[in-house]
N, C-alpha and C. Protein backbone atom coordinates (compact mmCIF):
# COMPACT_ATOMS: atom_id res chain seq x y z
N MET A 1 0.84 -1.18 0.00
CA MET A 1 0.00 0.00 0.00
C MET A 1 0.88 1.23 0.00
N THR A 2 0.46 2.18 -0.76
CA THR A 2 1.19 3.45 -0.75
C THR A 2 0.23 4.62 -0.84
N ILE A 3 0.62 5.68 -0.20
CA ILE A 3 -0.07 6.96 -0.31
C ILE A 3 1.00 7.96 -0.70
N LYS A 4 0.80 8.63 -1.84
CA LYS A 4 1.77 9.62 -2.29
C LYS A 4 1.07 10.98 -2.35
N LYS A 5 1.66 11.97 -1.67
CA LYS A 5 1.09 13.31 -1.63
C LYS A 5 1.92 14.24 -2.51
N THR A 6 1.23 14.99 -3.38
CA THR A 6 1.89 15.99 -4.22
C THR A 6 1.27 17.34 -3.91
N TYR A 7 2.06 18.22 -3.29
CA TYR A 7 1.57 19.55 -2.92
C TYR A 7 1.81 20.53 -4.06
N PHE A 8 0.83 21.42 -4.28
CA PHE A 8 0.93 22.45 -5.30
C PHE A 8 1.13 23.80 -4.62
N LYS A 9 2.11 24.58 -5.10
CA LYS A 9 2.36 25.90 -4.51
C LYS A 9 1.23 26.87 -4.80
N THR A 10 0.58 26.71 -5.96
CA THR A 10 -0.42 27.69 -6.38
C THR A 10 -1.85 27.24 -6.10
N LYS A 11 -2.04 26.09 -5.45
CA LYS A 11 -3.39 25.61 -5.16
C LYS A 11 -3.56 25.35 -3.68
N SER A 12 -4.81 25.38 -3.24
CA SER A 12 -5.10 25.07 -1.84
C SER A 12 -5.40 23.59 -1.65
N THR A 13 -5.05 22.79 -2.66
CA THR A 13 -5.29 21.36 -2.61
C THR A 13 -3.98 20.58 -2.74
N CYS A 14 -4.07 19.32 -2.40
CA CYS A 14 -2.95 18.39 -2.52
C CYS A 14 -3.45 17.19 -3.31
N LYS A 15 -2.68 16.76 -4.32
CA LYS A 15 -3.05 15.56 -5.07
C LYS A 15 -2.53 14.35 -4.28
N VAL A 16 -3.44 13.43 -3.99
CA VAL A 16 -3.08 12.24 -3.23
C VAL A 16 -3.34 11.01 -4.09
N ASN A 17 -2.31 10.19 -4.24
CA ASN A 17 -2.44 8.93 -4.97
C ASN A 17 -2.57 7.80 -3.94
N PHE A 18 -3.65 7.06 -4.06
CA PHE A 18 -3.90 5.90 -3.21
C PHE A 18 -3.66 4.66 -4.07
N ARG A 19 -2.89 3.70 -3.55
CA ARG A 19 -2.53 2.52 -4.34
C ARG A 19 -2.53 1.27 -3.46
N LEU A 20 -3.23 0.24 -3.92
CA LEU A 20 -3.24 -1.05 -3.24
C LEU A 20 -2.68 -2.10 -4.18
N PRO A 21 -1.58 -2.77 -3.79
CA PRO A 21 -0.98 -3.78 -4.65
C PRO A 21 -1.78 -5.08 -4.66
N LYS A 22 -1.51 -5.89 -5.65
CA LYS A 22 -2.21 -7.16 -5.83
C LYS A 22 -2.09 -8.06 -4.61
N ASP A 23 -0.94 -8.05 -3.92
CA ASP A 23 -0.78 -8.94 -2.77
C ASP A 23 -1.68 -8.57 -1.59
N VAL A 24 -2.28 -7.38 -1.62
CA VAL A 24 -3.23 -6.98 -0.60
C VAL A 24 -4.66 -7.29 -1.04
N VAL A 25 -4.95 -7.01 -2.30
CA VAL A 25 -6.33 -7.19 -2.80
C VAL A 25 -6.57 -8.58 -3.37
N HIS A 26 -5.50 -9.33 -3.59
CA HIS A 26 -5.56 -10.68 -4.15
C HIS A 26 -6.29 -10.66 -5.49
N GLU A 27 -7.33 -11.40 -5.64
CA GLU A 27 -8.06 -11.48 -6.92
C GLU A 27 -9.30 -10.59 -6.93
N ALA A 28 -9.25 -9.48 -6.25
CA ALA A 28 -10.42 -8.59 -6.14
C ALA A 28 -10.87 -8.09 -7.51
N ASN A 29 -12.17 -7.90 -7.62
CA ASN A 29 -12.74 -7.32 -8.83
C ASN A 29 -12.92 -5.81 -8.70
N THR A 30 -13.25 -5.36 -7.48
CA THR A 30 -13.47 -3.93 -7.26
C THR A 30 -12.84 -3.49 -5.94
N VAL A 31 -12.36 -2.25 -5.93
CA VAL A 31 -11.90 -1.60 -4.70
C VAL A 31 -12.44 -0.18 -4.74
N ASN A 32 -13.06 0.25 -3.65
CA ASN A 32 -13.56 1.61 -3.54
C ASN A 32 -12.91 2.30 -2.35
N LEU A 33 -12.57 3.56 -2.54
CA LEU A 33 -12.03 4.40 -1.48
C LEU A 33 -13.21 5.10 -0.83
N VAL A 34 -13.38 4.89 0.46
CA VAL A 34 -14.55 5.39 1.18
C VAL A 34 -14.08 6.23 2.35
N GLY A 35 -14.60 7.46 2.46
CA GLY A 35 -14.14 8.30 3.56
C GLY A 35 -14.90 9.60 3.68
N GLU A 36 -14.36 10.46 4.52
CA GLU A 36 -15.02 11.74 4.79
C GLU A 36 -15.10 12.61 3.54
N PHE A 37 -14.15 12.47 2.63
CA PHE A 37 -14.11 13.29 1.41
C PHE A 37 -15.23 12.93 0.44
N ASN A 38 -15.90 11.79 0.61
CA ASN A 38 -17.03 11.44 -0.26
C ASN A 38 -18.26 11.03 0.57
N GLN A 39 -18.35 11.55 1.79
CA GLN A 39 -19.45 11.31 2.70
C GLN A 39 -19.69 9.81 2.95
N TRP A 40 -18.59 9.03 2.97
CA TRP A 40 -18.63 7.59 3.22
C TRP A 40 -19.50 6.84 2.22
N ASN A 41 -19.57 7.38 1.01
CA ASN A 41 -20.33 6.72 -0.07
C ASN A 41 -19.49 5.57 -0.62
N THR A 42 -19.98 4.35 -0.50
CA THR A 42 -19.21 3.17 -0.88
C THR A 42 -19.04 3.01 -2.38
N LYS A 43 -19.71 3.81 -3.19
CA LYS A 43 -19.61 3.70 -4.64
C LYS A 43 -18.99 4.93 -5.31
N ALA A 44 -18.75 6.00 -4.54
CA ALA A 44 -18.37 7.29 -5.12
C ALA A 44 -16.96 7.33 -5.69
N THR A 45 -16.03 6.54 -5.13
CA THR A 45 -14.63 6.67 -5.53
C THR A 45 -14.02 5.29 -5.83
N PRO A 46 -14.35 4.73 -6.99
CA PRO A 46 -13.75 3.44 -7.35
C PRO A 46 -12.29 3.61 -7.75
N LEU A 47 -11.47 2.62 -7.42
CA LEU A 47 -10.09 2.61 -7.86
C LEU A 47 -10.00 1.88 -9.19
N LYS A 48 -9.05 2.30 -10.01
CA LYS A 48 -8.83 1.68 -11.32
C LYS A 48 -7.90 0.48 -11.15
N LYS A 49 -8.29 -0.63 -11.76
CA LYS A 49 -7.45 -1.82 -11.71
C LYS A 49 -6.45 -1.79 -12.86
N LEU A 50 -5.16 -1.87 -12.53
CA LEU A 50 -4.10 -1.88 -13.53
C LEU A 50 -3.84 -3.32 -14.00
N LYS A 51 -3.12 -3.46 -15.10
CA LYS A 51 -2.83 -4.78 -15.66
C LYS A 51 -2.12 -5.71 -14.69
N ASN A 52 -1.30 -5.14 -13.80
CA ASN A 52 -0.55 -5.96 -12.84
C ASN A 52 -1.36 -6.33 -11.60
N GLY A 53 -2.64 -5.95 -11.56
CA GLY A 53 -3.52 -6.30 -10.44
C GLY A 53 -3.58 -5.27 -9.34
N THR A 54 -2.76 -4.20 -9.45
CA THR A 54 -2.78 -3.11 -8.48
C THR A 54 -3.99 -2.22 -8.74
N PHE A 55 -4.58 -1.67 -7.68
CA PHE A 55 -5.67 -0.72 -7.80
C PHE A 55 -5.17 0.66 -7.40
N THR A 56 -5.59 1.71 -8.12
CA THR A 56 -5.09 3.06 -7.84
C THR A 56 -6.14 4.12 -8.16
N THR A 57 -6.02 5.26 -7.48
CA THR A 57 -6.83 6.44 -7.80
C THR A 57 -6.12 7.68 -7.27
N ASP A 58 -6.44 8.83 -7.85
CA ASP A 58 -5.92 10.12 -7.41
C ASP A 58 -7.09 10.99 -6.96
N LEU A 59 -6.90 11.71 -5.87
CA LEU A 59 -7.87 12.68 -5.39
C LEU A 59 -7.16 13.99 -5.11
N GLU A 60 -7.85 15.10 -5.34
CA GLU A 60 -7.34 16.40 -4.91
C GLU A 60 -8.11 16.77 -3.65
N LEU A 61 -7.39 16.87 -2.55
CA LEU A 61 -8.00 17.16 -1.25
C LEU A 61 -7.47 18.47 -0.69
N GLU A 62 -8.30 19.13 0.09
CA GLU A 62 -7.95 20.43 0.67
C GLU A 62 -6.80 20.30 1.66
N LYS A 63 -5.80 21.18 1.49
CA LYS A 63 -4.66 21.21 2.41
C LYS A 63 -5.09 21.73 3.78
N GLY A 64 -4.34 21.33 4.81
CA GLY A 64 -4.61 21.81 6.16
C GLY A 64 -5.71 21.04 6.86
N ARG A 65 -6.11 19.92 6.30
CA ARG A 65 -7.18 19.11 6.88
C ARG A 65 -6.71 17.67 7.05
N SER A 66 -7.46 16.94 7.85
CA SER A 66 -7.27 15.49 7.98
C SER A 66 -8.56 14.81 7.55
N TYR A 67 -8.42 13.65 6.95
CA TYR A 67 -9.58 12.90 6.45
C TYR A 67 -9.49 11.45 6.93
N GLN A 68 -10.60 10.91 7.40
CA GLN A 68 -10.69 9.49 7.72
C GLN A 68 -11.12 8.74 6.47
N PHE A 69 -10.59 7.51 6.32
CA PHE A 69 -10.95 6.71 5.15
C PHE A 69 -10.65 5.24 5.39
N ARG A 70 -11.19 4.40 4.50
CA ARG A 70 -10.89 2.97 4.43
C ARG A 70 -11.12 2.52 3.00
N TYR A 71 -10.63 1.32 2.68
CA TYR A 71 -10.88 0.72 1.38
C TYR A 71 -11.94 -0.36 1.54
N LEU A 72 -12.84 -0.46 0.56
CA LEU A 72 -13.85 -1.52 0.54
C LEU A 72 -13.57 -2.40 -0.67
N ILE A 73 -13.21 -3.65 -0.41
CA ILE A 73 -12.82 -4.58 -1.46
C ILE A 73 -13.98 -5.51 -1.77
N ASP A 74 -14.35 -5.56 -3.06
CA ASP A 74 -15.45 -6.41 -3.54
C ASP A 74 -16.73 -6.21 -2.74
N GLU A 75 -16.96 -4.98 -2.27
CA GLU A 75 -18.17 -4.58 -1.56
C GLU A 75 -18.43 -5.36 -0.27
N LYS A 76 -17.38 -6.04 0.27
CA LYS A 76 -17.63 -6.80 1.49
C LYS A 76 -16.49 -6.79 2.50
N ARG A 77 -15.27 -6.56 2.06
CA ARG A 77 -14.13 -6.63 2.98
C ARG A 77 -13.49 -5.25 3.13
N TRP A 78 -13.41 -4.77 4.38
CA TRP A 78 -12.77 -3.49 4.67
C TRP A 78 -11.29 -3.70 4.89
N GLU A 79 -10.49 -2.77 4.38
CA GLU A 79 -9.03 -2.85 4.51
C GLU A 79 -8.51 -1.47 4.89
N ASN A 80 -7.55 -1.44 5.81
CA ASN A 80 -6.88 -0.19 6.16
C ASN A 80 -5.58 -0.07 5.39
N ASP A 81 -5.06 1.14 5.34
CA ASP A 81 -3.80 1.41 4.64
C ASP A 81 -2.67 1.48 5.65
N SER A 82 -1.67 0.64 5.48
CA SER A 82 -0.55 0.59 6.42
C SER A 82 0.28 1.87 6.39
N GLN A 83 0.11 2.71 5.37
CA GLN A 83 0.87 3.96 5.29
C GLN A 83 0.06 5.19 5.67
N ALA A 84 -1.08 4.98 6.32
CA ALA A 84 -1.88 6.12 6.79
C ALA A 84 -1.07 6.90 7.82
N ASP A 85 -1.38 8.19 7.97
CA ASP A 85 -0.67 9.03 8.92
C ASP A 85 -1.00 8.66 10.36
N SER A 86 -2.22 8.18 10.59
CA SER A 86 -2.65 7.73 11.92
C SER A 86 -3.93 6.92 11.77
N TYR A 87 -4.45 6.48 12.91
CA TYR A 87 -5.67 5.67 12.92
C TYR A 87 -6.53 6.13 14.09
N VAL A 88 -7.85 6.07 13.92
CA VAL A 88 -8.79 6.41 14.99
C VAL A 88 -9.86 5.34 15.06
N SER A 89 -10.38 5.12 16.25
CA SER A 89 -11.46 4.15 16.41
C SER A 89 -12.70 4.61 15.66
N THR A 90 -13.41 3.66 15.08
CA THR A 90 -14.66 4.00 14.40
C THR A 90 -15.72 4.31 15.45
N PRO A 91 -16.80 4.98 15.07
CA PRO A 91 -17.88 5.25 16.02
C PRO A 91 -18.50 3.96 16.57
N PHE A 92 -18.31 2.87 15.84
CA PHE A 92 -18.89 1.59 16.25
C PHE A 92 -17.99 0.84 17.23
N GLY A 93 -16.71 1.28 17.35
CA GLY A 93 -15.80 0.71 18.30
C GLY A 93 -15.25 -0.66 17.95
N ASP A 94 -15.56 -1.16 16.75
CA ASP A 94 -15.14 -2.51 16.39
C ASP A 94 -13.92 -2.54 15.49
N SER A 95 -13.46 -1.38 15.04
CA SER A 95 -12.30 -1.33 14.14
C SER A 95 -11.77 0.10 14.13
N GLU A 96 -10.78 0.33 13.25
CA GLU A 96 -10.19 1.66 13.14
C GLU A 96 -10.31 2.18 11.72
N ASN A 97 -10.40 3.49 11.60
CA ASN A 97 -10.32 4.17 10.31
C ASN A 97 -8.90 4.71 10.14
N CYS A 98 -8.46 4.77 8.89
CA CYS A 98 -7.20 5.41 8.55
C CYS A 98 -7.40 6.93 8.57
N VAL A 99 -6.32 7.65 8.81
CA VAL A 99 -6.36 9.12 8.75
C VAL A 99 -5.21 9.58 7.87
N ILE A 100 -5.53 10.48 6.93
CA ILE A 100 -4.51 11.14 6.13
C ILE A 100 -4.56 12.62 6.48
N SER A 101 -3.41 13.21 6.77
CA SER A 101 -3.31 14.62 7.13
C SER A 101 -2.54 15.36 6.07
N LEU A 102 -3.09 16.48 5.61
CA LEU A 102 -2.48 17.24 4.52
C LEU A 102 -2.06 18.63 4.97
């Protein structure tokens, strides 16, 4: 898993690349990025599957903020990102959300 941040001097946003390698998603058909930036909509931010089995997407997010997120694999399995800036307990108390700070 990788998270790559690209800051722009002339914009108030940061381009963030989210990437999940094949060894994490295995034979997944779909991966969606779900978080505060899309109101936890499980369909709003699908990742693109590359030929090598890696899933990836880019988002432009507002600088100076933190966002909670998780990945939803094949609409049934939640996965966290090992490269998140931090983690917080979910409101349900049964797991943690990833946090990215920009």
